[in-house]
């Protein structure tokens, strides 16, 4: 996502982690005092890891968007139209995850990336370590972004391919044309707009602090 607070924190050492779960566990082990995270993800962490407390104060809000290969402007147009046409369905996907309605979650299966079939595939770069936006169980992907990605592929008549990698690599993949889009709770920023197109915003992330219970 993004880290917005380093410039205003005084006498504070900031440490980054590959996943929020690792950060939370390291905090519980006494190696950090608190953690900045998207509130929806904070709730998932609290369910997964005992001993966490969410400070219920919104520090900021960020618009999430789908990063799109700049060489495919028509894909941005198509995705923006789907966001409008399927708004009710997309809102229902978000609501069930935010409300923890696990019986309604739908696993998404990825196809195999094949350069010879690029025109028939929608390749989505992600970092499946950001529940409830995207995560993996066995061979299936779950989460808000993954179900919306499946909706995009279905509406476009394409086979969905999910390419799971670390967050920075996922951003780079769409810049280099190795994926069509990136969906990983990506915050829309001016710097990122220089290297990728963004869909209209489809969600808002509220940033909060997690501490030891």
Protein backbone atom coordinates (compact mmCIF):
# COMPACT_ATOMS: atom_id res chain seq x y z
CA UNK A 1 0.00 0.00 0.00
CA UNK A 2 1.88 3.09 1.15
CA UNK A 3 3.72 4.45 4.16
CA UNK A 4 2.78 8.07 4.72
CA UNK A 5 3.98 8.87 8.22
CA UNK A 6 7.80 8.60 8.37
CA UNK A 7 8.24 12.31 7.72
CA UNK A 8 6.12 13.33 10.71
CA UNK A 9 7.29 10.78 13.28
CA UNK A 10 10.06 12.15 15.48
CA UNK A 11 12.71 10.02 17.19
CA UNK A 12 11.11 6.96 15.66
CA UNK A 13 12.75 4.07 13.87
CA UNK A 14 10.63 2.61 11.09
CA UNK A 15 10.99 -0.98 9.91
CA UNK A 16 9.37 -2.59 6.88
CA UNK A 17 8.27 -6.22 6.55
CA UNK A 18 7.35 -8.47 3.66
CA UNK A 19 3.88 -9.07 5.14
CA UNK A 20 1.66 -7.46 7.75
CA UNK A 21 1.41 -10.80 9.58
CA UNK A 22 5.18 -10.88 10.05
CA UNK A 23 5.12 -7.29 11.28
CA UNK A 24 2.35 -8.05 13.79
CA UNK A 25 4.11 -11.13 15.13
CA UNK A 26 7.39 -9.25 15.48
CA UNK A 27 5.57 -6.54 17.41
CA UNK A 28 4.17 -9.17 19.76
CA UNK A 29 7.72 -10.45 20.22
CA UNK A 30 8.75 -7.01 21.45
CA UNK A 31 10.66 -5.86 18.38
CA UNK A 32 8.25 -3.06 17.46
CA UNK A 33 5.83 -0.87 19.38
CA UNK A 34 3.04 -0.45 16.86
CA UNK A 35 2.04 -1.12 13.28
CA UNK A 36 0.36 1.04 10.63
CA UNK A 37 -2.11 -0.90 8.47
CA UNK A 38 -5.33 -0.71 6.48
CA UNK A 39 -8.25 -1.13 8.92
CA UNK A 40 -9.86 -3.95 6.95
CA UNK A 41 -6.57 -5.85 7.02
CA UNK A 42 -6.17 -5.01 10.71
CA UNK A 43 -9.43 -6.81 11.44
CA UNK A 44 -8.22 -9.89 9.53
CA UNK A 45 -4.95 -9.86 11.46
CA UNK A 46 -6.83 -9.58 14.74
CA UNK A 47 -8.83 -12.71 13.88
CA UNK A 48 -5.70 -14.61 12.80
CA UNK A 49 -3.27 -13.54 15.54
CA UNK A 50 -4.15 -13.33 19.24
CA UNK A 51 -3.07 -10.37 21.34
CA UNK A 52 -3.66 -7.48 18.92
CA UNK A 53 -5.64 -4.32 19.57
CA UNK A 54 -6.84 -1.86 16.92
CA UNK A 55 -6.79 1.82 17.84
CA UNK A 56 -10.12 2.98 16.41
CA UNK A 57 -8.88 6.32 15.09
CA UNK A 58 -8.63 6.86 11.33
CA UNK A 59 -5.20 8.34 10.57
CA UNK A 60 -5.89 8.81 6.89
CA UNK A 61 -7.85 7.43 3.99
CA UNK A 62 -6.44 6.30 0.66
CA UNK A 63 -8.12 5.55 -2.66
CA UNK A 64 -7.39 2.09 -4.05
CA UNK A 65 -7.30 1.61 -7.79
CA UNK A 66 -6.41 -1.03 -10.37
CA UNK A 67 -3.03 -0.30 -11.93
CA UNK A 68 -3.18 -0.88 -15.69
CA UNK A 69 -0.49 -1.27 -18.34
CA UNK A 70 -0.08 2.17 -19.98
CA UNK A 71 0.17 0.48 -23.38
CA UNK A 72 -3.42 -0.77 -23.05
CA UNK A 73 -5.59 2.38 -22.74
CA UNK A 74 -8.59 0.45 -24.05
CA UNK A 75 -8.31 -1.90 -21.06
CA UNK A 76 -8.68 1.04 -18.68
CA UNK A 77 -11.83 2.11 -20.52
CA UNK A 78 -13.24 -1.43 -20.29
CA UNK A 79 -12.43 -1.82 -16.60
CA UNK A 80 -13.88 1.56 -15.70
CA UNK A 81 -17.10 0.59 -17.49
CA UNK A 82 -17.28 -2.73 -15.64
CA UNK A 83 -16.83 -0.88 -12.33
CA UNK A 84 -19.94 1.13 -13.25
CA UNK A 85 -22.02 -1.67 -14.75
CA UNK A 86 -21.25 -4.16 -11.96
CA UNK A 87 -21.17 -1.72 -9.05
CA UNK A 88 -23.77 -3.63 -7.02
CA UNK A 89 -21.94 -6.93 -7.47
CA UNK A 90 -18.59 -5.35 -6.58
CA UNK A 91 -20.06 -3.73 -3.48
CA UNK A 92 -21.48 -7.11 -2.43
CA UNK A 93 -18.01 -8.67 -2.76
CA UNK A 94 -16.50 -5.95 -0.58
CA UNK A 95 -19.24 -6.15 2.01
CA UNK A 96 -19.04 -9.91 2.57
CA UNK A 97 -15.30 -9.75 3.23
CA UNK A 98 -15.51 -6.67 5.42
CA UNK A 99 -18.30 -8.34 7.42
CA UNK A 100 -16.40 -11.63 7.71
CA UNK A 101 -19.10 -13.70 5.98
CA UNK A 102 -16.70 -16.57 5.30
CA UNK A 103 -19.41 -18.93 4.05
CA UNK A 104 -19.87 -16.61 1.06
CA UNK A 105 -16.21 -16.37 0.04
CA UNK A 106 -15.49 -17.77 -3.43
CA UNK A 107 -12.10 -19.30 -4.26
CA UNK A 108 -10.56 -18.18 -7.55
CA UNK A 109 -8.41 -20.52 -9.62
CA UNK A 110 -5.65 -19.14 -11.81
CA UNK A 111 -4.91 -20.26 -15.32
CA UNK A 112 -1.35 -20.80 -16.53
CA UNK A 113 0.34 -17.82 -18.13
CA UNK A 114 0.98 -18.47 -21.82
CA UNK A 115 2.57 -15.80 -24.00
CA UNK A 116 1.14 -17.41 -27.13
CA UNK A 117 -2.38 -16.78 -25.74
CA UNK A 118 -1.80 -13.25 -24.43
CA UNK A 119 -4.86 -11.91 -26.24
CA UNK A 120 -7.06 -14.53 -24.53
CA UNK A 121 -5.74 -14.02 -20.99
CA UNK A 122 -6.05 -11.32 -18.33
CA UNK A 123 -2.83 -11.44 -16.32
CA UNK A 124 -3.18 -9.94 -12.85
CA UNK A 125 -0.11 -9.26 -10.72
CA UNK A 126 -0.77 -9.39 -6.97
CA UNK A 127 0.81 -9.92 -3.57
CA UNK A 128 -1.40 -12.51 -1.89
CA UNK A 129 -0.41 -11.49 1.64
CA UNK A 130 -2.97 -8.74 2.22
CA UNK A 131 -6.14 -10.36 3.54
CA UNK A 132 -8.97 -9.70 3.05
CA UNK A 133 -7.97 -7.99 -0.19
CA UNK A 134 -5.96 -10.96 -1.50
CA UNK A 135 -4.65 -14.16 0.05
CA UNK A 136 -4.12 -17.76 -0.88
CA UNK A 137 -5.34 -21.07 0.54
CA UNK A 138 -3.89 -24.11 -1.17
CA UNK A 139 -4.03 -23.52 -4.90
CA UNK A 140 -6.90 -21.03 -4.77
CA UNK A 141 -6.91 -17.29 -4.30
CA UNK A 142 -9.41 -15.47 -2.12
CA UNK A 143 -10.18 -11.86 -1.28
CA UNK A 144 -11.90 -8.73 -2.50
CA UNK A 145 -9.41 -8.04 -5.27
CA UNK A 146 -9.30 -11.64 -6.48
CA UNK A 147 -13.07 -11.98 -6.80
CA UNK A 148 -13.25 -8.63 -8.58
CA UNK A 149 -10.41 -9.73 -10.90
CA UNK A 150 -12.44 -12.85 -11.74
CA UNK A 151 -15.42 -10.61 -12.50
CA UNK A 152 -13.28 -8.53 -14.86
CA UNK A 153 -12.03 -11.62 -16.68
CA UNK A 154 -15.53 -13.04 -17.04
CA UNK A 155 -16.93 -9.76 -18.35
CA UNK A 156 -14.05 -9.43 -20.83
CA UNK A 157 -14.35 -13.05 -21.95
CA UNK A 158 -10.75 -13.79 -20.93
CA UNK A 159 -9.00 -16.50 -18.93
CA UNK A 160 -7.81 -15.17 -15.57
CA UNK A 161 -4.14 -15.65 -14.73
CA UNK A 162 -3.00 -14.58 -11.25
CA UNK A 163 0.72 -13.94 -10.88
CA UNK A 164 1.61 -13.87 -7.17
CA UNK A 165 4.79 -12.01 -6.16
CA UNK A 166 5.98 -9.43 -3.64
CA UNK A 167 4.31 -6.02 -3.73
CA UNK A 168 7.10 -4.05 -5.38
CA UNK A 169 7.51 -6.72 -8.06
CA UNK A 170 3.76 -6.62 -8.73
CA UNK A 171 3.94 -2.87 -9.35
CA UNK A 172 6.95 -3.36 -11.61
CA UNK A 173 5.26 -6.16 -13.57
CA UNK A 174 2.52 -3.89 -14.88
CA UNK A 175 5.05 -1.16 -15.70
CA UNK A 176 7.10 -3.61 -17.77
CA UNK A 177 4.12 -5.09 -19.58
CA UNK A 178 4.55 -8.46 -17.85
CA UNK A 179 1.01 -8.23 -16.49
CA UNK A 180 -2.08 -6.48 -17.76
CA UNK A 181 -3.14 -5.11 -14.38
CA UNK A 182 -2.02 -5.07 -10.76
CA UNK A 183 -4.50 -5.57 -7.91
CA UNK A 184 -2.97 -5.60 -4.44
CA UNK A 185 -4.70 -2.90 -2.45
CA UNK A 186 -2.77 -0.39 -4.56
CA UNK A 187 -3.02 3.20 -3.37
CA UNK A 188 -3.40 5.72 -6.18
CA UNK A 189 -0.53 8.23 -6.04
CA UNK A 190 0.77 10.87 -8.42
CA UNK A 191 4.13 9.09 -8.74
CA UNK A 192 2.45 5.82 -9.69
CA UNK A 193 0.29 7.60 -12.26
CA UNK A 194 3.50 8.41 -14.14
CA UNK A 195 4.27 4.74 -14.77
CA UNK A 196 0.84 3.11 -14.99
CA UNK A 197 -2.76 4.01 -15.71
CA UNK A 198 -5.28 3.72 -12.91
CA UNK A 199 -8.90 2.72 -13.01
CA UNK A 200 -11.47 4.80 -11.23
CA UNK A 201 -11.16 4.14 -7.50
CA UNK A 202 -13.12 1.07 -6.39
CA UNK A 203 -12.41 1.15 -2.64
CA UNK A 204 -11.13 3.37 0.17
CA UNK A 205 -8.53 2.17 2.64
CA UNK A 206 -8.59 3.69 6.13
CA UNK A 207 -5.24 3.55 7.91
CA UNK A 208 -5.10 2.73 11.65
CA UNK A 209 -2.59 1.67 14.30
CA UNK A 210 -2.34 -1.82 15.81
CA UNK A 211 -0.72 -2.27 19.23
CA UNK A 212 -0.37 -5.13 21.70
CA UNK A 213 -3.65 -5.85 23.43
